Protein backbone atom coordinates (compact mmCIF):
# COMPACT_ATOMS: atom_id res chain seq x y z
CA UNK A 1 112.08 107.85 124.68
CA UNK A 2 108.63 109.26 125.31
CA UNK A 3 105.89 107.02 126.66
CA UNK A 4 102.92 107.24 124.34
CA UNK A 5 99.23 106.48 124.61
CA UNK A 6 97.92 104.45 121.69
CA UNK A 7 94.62 105.60 120.20
CA UNK A 8 93.65 103.32 117.37
CA UNK A 9 90.90 102.66 114.90
CA UNK A 10 92.28 99.17 114.27
CA UNK A 11 91.28 95.94 116.02
CA UNK A 12 92.14 95.32 119.66
CA UNK A 13 94.43 92.46 118.65
CA UNK A 14 96.45 94.77 116.43
CA UNK A 15 96.58 97.42 119.17
CA UNK A 16 97.91 94.90 121.67
CA UNK A 17 100.68 93.94 119.27
CA UNK A 18 101.47 97.58 118.52
CA UNK A 19 101.94 98.36 122.20
CA UNK A 20 104.65 95.75 122.53
CA UNK A 21 106.26 96.75 119.24
CA UNK A 22 106.17 100.52 119.60
CA UNK A 23 106.99 101.06 123.26
CA UNK A 24 110.29 99.20 123.06
CA UNK A 25 111.98 99.18 126.48
CA UNK A 26 108.95 100.67 128.23
CA UNK A 27 107.56 97.13 128.53
CA UNK A 28 104.49 96.24 130.54
CA UNK A 29 104.46 99.53 132.44
CA UNK A 30 103.91 101.47 129.20
CA UNK A 31 101.13 99.15 128.17
CA UNK A 32 99.37 99.58 131.51
CA UNK A 33 99.73 103.34 131.34
CA UNK A 34 98.54 103.45 127.74
CA UNK A 35 94.99 102.05 127.45
CA UNK A 36 93.94 101.61 123.86
CA UNK A 37 90.68 102.81 122.38
CA UNK A 38 87.91 100.33 121.64
CA UNK A 39 87.48 99.34 118.03
CA UNK A 40 84.75 100.94 115.98
CA UNK A 41 83.03 99.22 113.08
CA UNK A 42 83.12 102.44 111.07
CA UNK A 43 86.67 103.40 111.99
CA UNK A 44 89.42 103.48 109.33
CA UNK A 45 91.93 100.66 109.68
CA UNK A 46 95.63 101.04 109.04
CA UNK A 47 96.57 99.78 105.59
CA UNK A 48 100.09 98.55 106.26
CA UNK A 49 100.58 94.76 106.19
CA UNK A 50 102.69 94.54 109.36
CA UNK A 51 103.37 96.29 112.67
CA UNK A 52 103.51 100.02 113.26
CA UNK A 53 107.29 100.11 113.56
CA UNK A 54 108.96 97.06 112.04
CA UNK A 55 112.36 98.61 112.74
CA UNK A 56 111.86 97.90 116.44
CA UNK A 57 112.46 94.21 115.77
CA UNK A 58 115.61 94.74 113.73
CA UNK A 59 118.43 95.07 116.25
CA UNK A 60 121.03 97.39 114.76
CA UNK A 61 118.50 98.81 112.34
CA UNK A 62 119.94 102.31 112.61
CA UNK A 63 122.66 101.22 110.18
CA UNK A 64 120.33 99.47 107.73
CA UNK A 65 120.81 101.99 104.88
CA UNK A 66 122.82 101.37 101.75
CA UNK A 67 124.53 104.77 101.58
CA UNK A 68 127.80 105.53 103.42
CA UNK A 69 127.36 107.46 106.68
CA UNK A 70 128.67 110.65 105.09
CA UNK A 71 125.88 110.60 102.50
CA UNK A 72 122.97 110.54 104.95
CA UNK A 73 121.50 113.31 107.09
CA UNK A 74 123.16 113.34 110.50
CA UNK A 75 121.16 112.44 113.63
CA UNK A 76 119.88 115.55 115.38
CA UNK A 77 119.68 117.63 112.20
CA UNK A 78 117.07 120.42 112.36
CA UNK A 79 115.21 121.11 109.14
CA UNK A 80 112.34 123.25 107.91
CA UNK A 81 109.18 122.08 106.16
CA UNK A 82 110.11 121.59 102.51
CA UNK A 83 113.65 120.40 103.28
CA UNK A 84 114.88 116.97 102.16
CA UNK A 85 116.63 114.48 104.44
CA UNK A 86 118.46 111.35 103.23
CA UNK A 87 118.01 108.57 105.75
CA UNK A 88 118.85 104.90 106.33
CA UNK A 89 115.65 102.90 106.42
CA UNK A 90 114.80 99.36 107.47
CA UNK A 91 111.28 97.99 107.23
CA UNK A 92 111.92 94.27 107.64
CA UNK A 93 115.04 92.11 107.51
CA UNK A 94 114.79 92.00 103.71
CA UNK A 95 113.38 95.50 103.13
CA UNK A 96 116.16 97.99 103.80
CA UNK A 97 117.91 100.76 101.97
CA UNK A 98 118.23 104.53 101.81
CA UNK A 99 115.34 106.93 101.37
CA UNK A 100 114.90 110.68 101.08
CA UNK A 101 112.05 112.26 103.02
CA UNK A 102 110.67 115.73 102.34
CA UNK A 103 108.04 116.97 104.78
CA UNK A 104 105.82 119.09 102.57
CA UNK A 105 103.28 120.30 105.15
CA UNK A 106 102.19 120.02 108.79
CA UNK A 107 98.50 120.92 108.79
CA UNK A 108 96.09 121.34 111.68
CA UNK A 109 92.81 119.45 111.48
CA UNK A 110 89.59 119.76 113.50
CA UNK A 111 88.64 117.87 116.66
CA UNK A 112 85.66 116.47 114.77
CA UNK A 113 88.09 114.68 112.43
CA UNK A 114 88.93 112.34 115.33
CA UNK A 115 85.37 111.03 115.78
CA UNK A 116 86.15 107.62 114.25
CA UNK A 117 88.77 106.96 116.93
CA UNK A 118 86.18 106.92 119.72
CA UNK A 119 86.04 108.30 123.24
CA UNK A 120 89.78 108.05 123.86
CA UNK A 121 90.33 110.69 121.18
CA UNK A 122 87.84 113.23 122.59
CA UNK A 123 89.47 116.61 123.06
CA UNK A 124 92.35 115.78 120.73
CA UNK A 125 93.27 117.99 117.79
CA UNK A 126 94.74 116.12 114.82
CA UNK A 127 97.68 117.26 112.72
CA UNK A 128 98.50 115.95 109.26
CA UNK A 129 102.19 115.41 108.51
CA UNK A 130 102.41 115.20 104.74
CA UNK A 131 105.56 113.98 103.03
CA UNK A 132 107.20 112.82 99.83
CA UNK A 133 109.36 109.69 100.03
CA UNK A 134 112.05 108.85 97.47
CA UNK A 135 113.97 105.60 96.98
CA UNK A 136 117.60 106.77 96.97
CA UNK A 137 119.41 103.45 97.30
CA UNK A 138 117.49 101.63 94.57
CA UNK A 139 116.69 98.60 96.76
CA UNK A 140 113.34 96.82 96.86
CA UNK A 141 111.20 98.79 99.33
CA UNK A 142 107.85 97.91 97.76
CA UNK A 143 104.93 98.03 100.21
CA UNK A 144 107.11 99.44 102.99
CA UNK A 145 105.48 101.92 105.36
CA UNK A 146 106.96 105.03 106.94
CA UNK A 147 105.58 107.03 109.85
CA UNK A 148 106.88 110.31 111.26
CA UNK A 149 105.97 111.35 114.81
CA UNK A 150 104.57 114.74 115.73
CA UNK A 151 106.61 117.19 117.84
CA UNK A 152 104.94 119.75 120.08
CA UNK A 153 105.80 123.43 120.21
CA UNK A 154 108.77 123.39 122.58
CA UNK A 155 110.23 120.12 121.32
CA UNK A 156 108.40 117.44 123.33
CA UNK A 157 106.68 114.42 121.81
CA UNK A 158 102.89 114.23 121.69
CA UNK A 159 102.71 111.13 123.90
CA UNK A 160 100.13 109.62 121.53
CA UNK A 161 100.50 107.03 118.76
CA UNK A 162 97.68 106.98 116.22
CA UNK A 163 97.22 103.84 114.15
CA UNK A 164 95.15 104.54 111.09
CA UNK A 165 94.36 107.60 109.01
CA UNK A 166 91.63 110.10 108.18
CA UNK A 167 90.50 109.32 104.62
CA UNK A 168 90.64 112.31 102.33
CA UNK A 169 92.58 114.41 104.82
CA UNK A 170 95.50 112.27 105.95
CA UNK A 171 95.86 109.06 103.96
CA UNK A 172 98.69 106.85 105.11
CA UNK A 173 100.00 105.11 102.01
CA UNK A 174 102.43 102.22 101.75
CA UNK A 175 105.12 102.31 99.09
CA UNK A 176 103.80 101.16 95.71
CA UNK A 177 104.78 97.86 94.11
CA UNK A 178 107.30 99.57 91.83
CA UNK A 179 109.11 101.36 94.68
CA UNK A 180 112.17 99.28 93.83
CA UNK A 181 114.36 101.58 91.75
CA UNK A 182 116.47 104.65 92.39
CA UNK A 183 114.39 107.81 92.01
CA UNK A 184 111.00 106.16 92.59
CA UNK A 185 108.71 108.32 94.75
CA UNK A 186 105.37 108.28 96.50
CA UNK A 187 103.46 110.56 98.85
CA UNK A 188 101.98 109.70 102.23
CA UNK A 189 100.73 111.25 105.47
CA UNK A 190 101.32 110.55 109.15
CA UNK A 191 98.61 111.42 111.66
CA UNK A 192 99.52 113.07 114.96
CA UNK A 193 97.26 114.46 117.70
CA UNK A 194 97.48 116.38 120.95
CA UNK A 195 95.33 117.74 123.76
CA UNK A 196 97.94 120.28 124.83
CA UNK A 197 100.41 122.40 122.87
CA UNK A 198 100.15 122.53 119.07
CA UNK A 199 102.13 120.18 116.86
CA UNK A 200 104.70 122.31 115.06
CA UNK A 201 107.17 119.66 113.91
CA UNK A 202 107.74 116.09 112.75
CA UNK A 203 110.58 113.73 113.59
CA UNK A 204 112.27 110.65 112.12
CA UNK A 205 113.47 108.43 114.97
CA UNK A 206 113.77 104.99 113.32
CA UNK A 207 116.60 102.69 114.39
CA UNK A 208 119.23 102.99 117.09
CA UNK A 209 121.09 105.81 115.37
CA UNK A 210 118.12 108.20 115.35
CA UNK A 211 116.00 106.97 118.28
CA UNK A 212 117.61 109.29 120.84
CA UNK A 213 118.62 112.03 118.40
CA UNK A 214 115.98 112.28 115.66
CA UNK A 215 115.95 114.37 112.54
CA UNK A 216 113.29 117.08 113.07
CA UNK A 217 111.34 119.24 110.62
CA UNK A 218 109.50 122.35 111.85
CA UNK A 219 107.17 124.86 110.21
């Protein structure tokens, strides 16, 4: 898995927790190589009630979905923007089921959009991964949060995790309270950024099944 630098508009305490949760097996070395940005009073904070990637704490979370394996999108599947993937999803030990994700757009922002993230974000260009999420399994996924990672032109990861959003341009939404029934939907956005090649794709790499062989959408 790629080592990633965390650039956050959240508090330092939250950043410290996110480093341990998101870097998985990278351990202390990843944390030392990934200094977090200082908090800013005016910076937008992430709205989700728990860690960036709750699936990291869930053991065999790759098999947390309710649908049989044949009904979900296979690991490693390559899709285009606008395509729908059916995926097992686990948010916490009691929030798991099957969702469908449709990446509707991957839009390039301006470097000035990153101002709230401070000096660590200087020179970074943001990209807005917009998606529609559907509850396929009909389980209670209220207030769950989903994040897709950006993929650079050429297939590499961005190496950066952004915690937060850019209000009005990329609003990261949690699932609504009524996201508990089959067919319920909501829309959200994941923020990605890079100093190098452009972001041309988005990937779902939650759980053991997809962590090394993610589902990828490209423009």
